[in-house]
Each structure stands twice: as structure tokens, then as C-alpha cells.
PDB file of N, CA and C in Angstrom:
ATOM      1  N   MET A   1      34.314  14.966  16.118  1.00  0.00           N
ATOM      2  CA  MET A   1      33.246  14.654  15.270  1.00  0.00           C
ATOM      3  C   MET A   1      31.920  15.143  15.961  1.00  0.00           C
ATOM      4  N   PRO A   2      31.104  15.866  15.411  1.00  0.00           N
ATOM      5  CA  PRO A   2      29.889  16.476  15.985  1.00  0.00           C
ATOM      6  C   PRO A   2      29.021  15.375  16.441  1.00  0.00           C
ATOM      7  N   PRO A   3      28.263  15.612  17.494  1.00  0.00           N
ATOM      8  CA  PRO A   3      27.263  14.604  18.065  1.00  0.00           C
ATOM      9  C   PRO A   3      26.160  14.300  17.021  1.00  0.00           C
ATOM     10  N   LEU A   4      25.538  13.191  17.193  1.00  0.00           N
ATOM     11  CA  LEU A   4      24.479  12.880  16.246  1.00  0.00           C
ATOM     12  C   LEU A   4      23.197  13.664  16.713  1.00  0.00           C
ATOM     13  N   PRO A   5      22.440  14.216  15.766  1.00  0.00           N
ATOM     14  CA  PRO A   5      21.191  14.852  16.184  1.00  0.00           C
ATOM     15  C   PRO A   5      20.193  13.975  16.741  1.00  0.00           C
ATOM     16  N   PRO A   6      19.390  14.391  17.653  1.00  0.00           N
ATOM     17  CA  PRO A   6      18.287  13.553  18.256  1.00  0.00           C
ATOM     18  C   PRO A   6      17.438  13.062  17.338  1.00  0.00           C
ATOM     19  N   ALA A   7      16.863  11.676  17.549  1.00  0.00           N
ATOM     20  CA  ALA A   7      15.918  11.010  16.675  1.00  0.00           C
ATOM     21  C   ALA A   7      14.663  11.914  16.733  1.00  0.00           C
ATOM     22  N   PRO A   8      14.007  12.125  15.499  1.00  0.00           N
ATOM     23  CA  PRO A   8      12.783  12.654  15.489  1.00  0.00           C
ATOM     24  C   PRO A   8      11.693  12.060  16.311  1.00  0.00           C
ATOM     25  N   VAL A   9      10.910  12.794  17.024  1.00  0.00           N
ATOM     26  CA  VAL A   9       9.718  12.169  17.788  1.00  0.00           C
ATOM     27  C   VAL A   9       8.580  11.753  16.735  1.00  0.00           C
ATOM     28  N   PRO A  10       8.133  10.582  16.804  1.00  0.00           N
ATOM     29  CA  PRO A  10       7.094  10.129  15.790  1.00  0.00           C
ATOM     30  C   PRO A  10       5.757  10.877  16.168  1.00  0.00           C
ATOM     31  N   SER A  11       5.097  11.363  15.134  1.00  0.00           N
ATOM     32  CA  SER A  11       3.980  12.158  15.392  1.00  0.00           C
ATOM     33  C   SER A  11       2.603  11.291  15.475  1.00  0.00           C
ATOM     34  N   ARG A  12       2.770   9.925  15.069  1.00  0.00           N
ATOM     35  CA  ARG A  12       1.825   8.953  15.183  1.00  0.00           C
ATOM     36  C   ARG A  12       2.131   7.863  16.174  1.00  0.00           C
ATOM     37  N   SER A  13       1.189   7.326  16.877  1.00  0.00           N
ATOM     38  CA  SER A  13       1.424   6.213  17.697  1.00  0.00           C
ATOM     39  C   SER A  13       1.743   4.875  16.916  1.00  0.00           C
ATOM     40  N   ALA A  14       2.469   3.946  17.591  1.00  0.00           N
ATOM     41  CA  ALA A  14       2.627   2.739  16.958  1.00  0.00           C
ATOM     42  C   ALA A  14       1.385   1.926  16.485  1.00  0.00           C
ATOM     43  N   ALA A  15       0.298   2.180  17.292  1.00  0.00           N
ATOM     44  CA  ALA A  15      -0.948   1.530  16.912  1.00  0.00           C
ATOM     45  C   ALA A  15      -1.407   2.282  15.523  1.00  0.00           C
ATOM     46  N   ASP A  16      -1.382   3.643  15.505  1.00  0.00           N
ATOM     47  CA  ASP A  16      -1.719   4.261  14.283  1.00  0.00           C
ATOM     48  C   ASP A  16      -0.934   3.690  13.038  1.00  0.00           C
ATOM     49  N   TRP A  17       0.360   3.613  13.219  1.00  0.00           N
ATOM     50  CA  TRP A  17       1.132   3.137  12.167  1.00  0.00           C
ATOM     51  C   TRP A  17       0.801   1.644  11.715  1.00  0.00           C
ATOM     52  N   ASN A  18       0.410   0.832  12.761  1.00  0.00           N
ATOM     53  CA  ASN A  18       0.021  -0.634  12.589  1.00  0.00           C
ATOM     54  C   ASN A  18      -1.231  -0.522  11.836  1.00  0.00           C
ATOM     55  N   ASP A  19      -2.123   0.254  12.119  1.00  0.00           N
ATOM     56  CA  ASP A  19      -3.522   0.334  11.375  1.00  0.00           C
ATOM     57  C   ASP A  19      -3.342   0.563   9.986  1.00  0.00           C
ATOM     58  N   ALA A  20      -2.340   1.535   9.616  1.00  0.00           N
ATOM     59  CA  ALA A  20      -2.050   1.894   8.232  1.00  0.00           C
ATOM     60  C   ALA A  20      -1.424   0.669   7.567  1.00  0.00           C
ATOM     61  N   ILE A  21      -0.545  -0.074   8.243  1.00  0.00           N
ATOM     62  CA  ILE A  21       0.031  -1.153   7.623  1.00  0.00           C
ATOM     63  C   ILE A  21      -1.179  -2.360   7.337  1.00  0.00           C
ATOM     64  N   ARG A  22      -2.092  -2.451   8.309  1.00  0.00           N
ATOM     65  CA  ARG A  22      -3.121  -3.462   7.976  1.00  0.00           C
ATOM     66  C   ARG A  22      -3.988  -2.915   6.798  1.00  0.00           C
ATOM     67  N   VAL A  23      -4.337  -1.659   6.719  1.00  0.00           N
ATOM     68  CA  VAL A  23      -5.122  -1.259   5.615  1.00  0.00           C
ATOM     69  C   VAL A  23      -4.384  -1.309   4.346  1.00  0.00           C
ATOM     70  N   LEU A  24      -3.101  -1.235   4.289  1.00  0.00           N
ATOM     71  CA  LEU A  24      -2.425  -1.416   3.131  1.00  0.00           C
ATOM     72  C   LEU A  24      -2.398  -2.946   2.739  1.00  0.00           C
ATOM     73  N   ALA A  25      -2.224  -3.874   3.646  1.00  0.00           N
ATOM     74  CA  ALA A  25      -2.122  -5.289   3.416  1.00  0.00           C
ATOM     75  C   ALA A  25      -3.627  -5.798   2.988  1.00  0.00           C
ATOM     76  N   ARG A  26      -4.541  -5.305   3.515  1.00  0.00           N
ATOM     77  CA  ARG A  26      -5.959  -5.552   3.197  1.00  0.00           C
ATOM     78  C   ARG A  26      -6.250  -5.205   1.683  1.00  0.00           C
ATOM     79  N   THR A  27      -5.632  -4.068   1.269  1.00  0.00           N
ATOM     80  CA  THR A  27      -5.932  -3.563  -0.149  1.00  0.00           C
ATOM     81  C   THR A  27      -5.225  -4.538  -1.113  1.00  0.00           C
ATOM     82  N   ALA A  28      -4.293  -5.237  -0.688  1.00  0.00           N
ATOM     83  CA  ALA A  28      -3.449  -6.209  -1.634  1.00  0.00           C
ATOM     84  C   ALA A  28      -4.205  -7.541  -1.777  1.00  0.00           C
ATOM     85  N   TRP A  29      -5.332  -7.849  -0.851  1.00  0.00           N
ATOM     86  CA  TRP A  29      -6.096  -9.071  -1.010  1.00  0.00           C
ATOM     87  C   TRP A  29      -5.309 -10.307  -1.309  1.00  0.00           C
ATOM     88  N   GLY A  30      -4.257 -10.378  -0.570  1.00  0.00           N
ATOM     89  CA  GLY A  30      -3.502 -11.858  -0.601  1.00  0.00           C
ATOM     90  C   GLY A  30      -2.479 -11.832  -1.813  1.00  0.00           C
ATOM     91  N   ARG A  31      -2.435 -10.877  -2.794  1.00  0.00           N
ATOM     92  CA  ARG A  31      -1.471 -10.789  -3.865  1.00  0.00           C
ATOM     93  C   ARG A  31      -0.210 -10.183  -3.403  1.00  0.00           C
ATOM     94  N   PRO A  32       0.874 -10.349  -4.072  1.00  0.00           N
ATOM     95  CA  PRO A  32       2.075  -9.627  -3.593  1.00  0.00           C
ATOM     96  C   PRO A  32       1.919  -8.204  -3.918  1.00  0.00           C
ATOM     97  N   PHE A  33       2.621  -7.354  -3.126  1.00  0.00           N
ATOM     98  CA  PHE A  33       2.606  -5.955  -3.135  1.00  0.00           C
ATOM     99  C   PHE A  33       3.156  -5.557  -4.477  1.00  0.00           C
ATOM    100  N   THR A  34       2.656  -4.471  -5.031  1.00  0.00           N
ATOM    101  CA  THR A  34       3.334  -3.887  -6.148  1.00  0.00           C
ATOM    102  C   THR A  34       4.442  -3.095  -5.675  1.00  0.00           C
ATOM    103  N   ASP A  35       5.258  -2.574  -6.711  1.00  0.00           N
ATOM    104  CA  ASP A  35       6.605  -1.918  -6.283  1.00  0.00           C
ATOM    105  C   ASP A  35       6.257  -0.602  -5.369  1.00  0.00           C
ATOM    106  N   ALA A  36       5.180   0.055  -5.843  1.00  0.00           N
ATOM    107  CA  ALA A  36       4.684   1.303  -5.008  1.00  0.00           C
ATOM    108  C   ALA A  36       4.135   0.882  -3.664  1.00  0.00           C
ATOM    109  N   GLU A  37       3.369  -0.200  -3.563  1.00  0.00           N
ATOM    110  CA  GLU A  37       2.868  -0.703  -2.292  1.00  0.00           C
ATOM    111  C   GLU A  37       4.153  -1.235  -1.282  1.00  0.00           C
ATOM    112  N   ARG A  38       5.108  -1.743  -2.000  1.00  0.00           N
ATOM    113  CA  ARG A  38       6.177  -2.285  -1.205  1.00  0.00           C
ATOM    114  C   ARG A  38       7.057  -1.123  -0.688  1.00  0.00           C
ATOM    115  N   LYS A  39       7.131  -0.066  -1.410  1.00  0.00           N
ATOM    116  CA  LYS A  39       7.770   1.089  -1.003  1.00  0.00           C
ATOM    117  C   LYS A  39       6.965   1.755   0.204  1.00  0.00           C
ATOM    118  N   GLU A  40       5.701   1.809   0.052  1.00  0.00           N
ATOM    119  CA  GLU A  40       4.727   2.438   1.024  1.00  0.00           C
ATOM    120  C   GLU A  40       4.926   1.577   2.402  1.00  0.00           C
ATOM    121  N   TYR A  41       4.891   0.196   2.232  1.00  0.00           N
ATOM    122  CA  TYR A  41       4.996  -0.662   3.381  1.00  0.00           C
ATOM    123  C   TYR A  41       6.198  -0.353   4.157  1.00  0.00           C
ATOM    124  N   HIS A  42       7.395  -0.149   3.386  1.00  0.00           N
ATOM    125  CA  HIS A  42       8.651  -0.055   3.905  1.00  0.00           C
ATOM    126  C   HIS A  42       8.560   1.296   4.759  1.00  0.00           C
ATOM    127  N   LEU A  43       8.026   2.333   4.255  1.00  0.00           N
ATOM    128  CA  LEU A  43       7.796   3.550   5.066  1.00  0.00           C
ATOM    129  C   LEU A  43       7.119   3.369   6.257  1.00  0.00           C
ATOM    130  N   LEU A  44       5.948   2.683   6.067  1.00  0.00           N
ATOM    131  CA  LEU A  44       5.089   2.557   7.179  1.00  0.00           C
ATOM    132  C   LEU A  44       5.806   1.675   8.392  1.00  0.00           C
ATOM    133  N   LEU A  45       6.549   0.752   7.920  1.00  0.00           N
ATOM    134  CA  LEU A  45       7.222  -0.149   8.910  1.00  0.00           C
ATOM    135  C   LEU A  45       8.336   0.692   9.656  1.00  0.00           C
ATOM    136  N   VAL A  46       8.960   1.518   9.006  1.00  0.00           N
ATOM    137  CA  VAL A  46      10.091   2.362   9.482  1.00  0.00           C
ATOM    138  C   VAL A  46       9.276   3.279  10.481  1.00  0.00           C
ATOM    139  N   GLY A  47       8.205   3.943  10.163  1.00  0.00           N
ATOM    140  CA  GLY A  47       7.591   4.702  11.123  1.00  0.00           C
ATOM    141  C   GLY A  47       7.025   4.035  12.324  1.00  0.00           C
ATOM    142  N   TRP A  48       6.478   2.819  12.056  1.00  0.00           N
ATOM    143  CA  TRP A  48       5.991   1.891  13.181  1.00  0.00           C
ATOM    144  C   TRP A  48       7.240   1.637  14.138  1.00  0.00           C
ATOM    145  N   ALA A  49       8.331   1.294  13.634  1.00  0.00           N
ATOM    146  CA  ALA A  49       9.392   0.963  14.485  1.00  0.00           C
ATOM    147  C   ALA A  49       9.808   2.053  15.365  1.00  0.00           C
ATOM    148  N   ALA A  50       9.913   3.263  14.710  1.00  0.00           N
ATOM    149  CA  ALA A  50      10.336   4.562  15.429  1.00  0.00           C
ATOM    150  C   ALA A  50       9.288   4.772  16.546  1.00  0.00           C
ATOM    151  N   ALA A  51       8.082   4.652  16.254  1.00  0.00           N
ATOM    152  CA  ALA A  51       7.066   4.960  17.306  1.00  0.00           C
ATOM    153  C   ALA A  51       7.033   4.063  18.486  1.00  0.00           C
ATOM    154  N   ASP A  52       7.358   2.800  17.861  1.00  0.00           N
ATOM    155  CA  ASP A  52       7.508   1.686  19.020  1.00  0.00           C
ATOM    156  C   ASP A  52       8.607   1.889  19.896  1.00  0.00           C
ATOM    157  N   ARG A  53       9.834   2.275  19.269  1.00  0.00           N
ATOM    158  CA  ARG A  53      10.994   2.628  20.231  1.00  0.00           C
ATOM    159  C   ARG A  53      10.603   3.858  21.145  1.00  0.00           C
ATOM    160  N   ALA A  54       9.999   4.691  20.679  1.00  0.00           N
ATOM    161  CA  ALA A  54       9.646   6.025  21.381  1.00  0.00           C
ATOM    162  C   ALA A  54       8.731   5.443  22.547  1.00  0.00           C
ATOM    163  N   GLU A  55       7.662   4.709  22.205  1.00  0.00           N
ATOM    164  CA  GLU A  55       6.822   4.336  23.286  1.00  0.00           C
ATOM    165  C   GLU A  55       7.291   3.417  24.361  1.00  0.00           C
ATOM    166  N   THR A  56       8.236   2.567  23.923  1.00  0.00           N
ATOM    167  CA  THR A  56       8.908   1.720  24.773  1.00  0.00           C
ATOM    168  C   THR A  56       9.951   2.438  25.701  1.00  0.00           C
ATOM    169  N   ALA A  57      10.564   3.388  25.104  1.00  0.00           N
ATOM    170  CA  ALA A  57      11.477   4.161  25.908  1.00  0.00           C
ATOM    171  C   ALA A  57      10.865   5.194  26.977  1.00  0.00           C
ATOM    172  N   ALA A  58       9.550   5.446  26.744  1.00  0.00           N
ATOM    173  CA  ALA A  58       8.773   6.498  27.445  1.00  0.00           C
ATOM    174  C   ALA A  58       8.364   5.715  28.867  1.00  0.00           C
TER     175      ALA A  58
END
């Protein structure tokens, strides 16, 4: 079985990802996310987690 490829290095810091998550949350103004916003939130959360892991490992 071939080895797994290395994880991509995030191009944004965890703080940048977190800021984008906060902006998205503020645009919802307390209402539930739409399907599109929920999908965007998930992508932002995955990006934040990858950046956080990379920063923690460094």
C-alpha cells in the first residue's frame, strides 16, 4: 500500500479562518444558517482545524 500524501499546508492562519467564521456568523444575525451558509461554515471550520493543527505542530 503506498504511503499517504502529506497533508496540505494551510495558506491562512487559524486566526484568519476564525475571523472568516465570525464574519459569516455575524451575517446570520442569530437566525439559523441557510444551506449555503452551512456548507460555507463547514469548509471554514475544516480550514481552521487544519491551520490550527499546523500551528500547534510547528
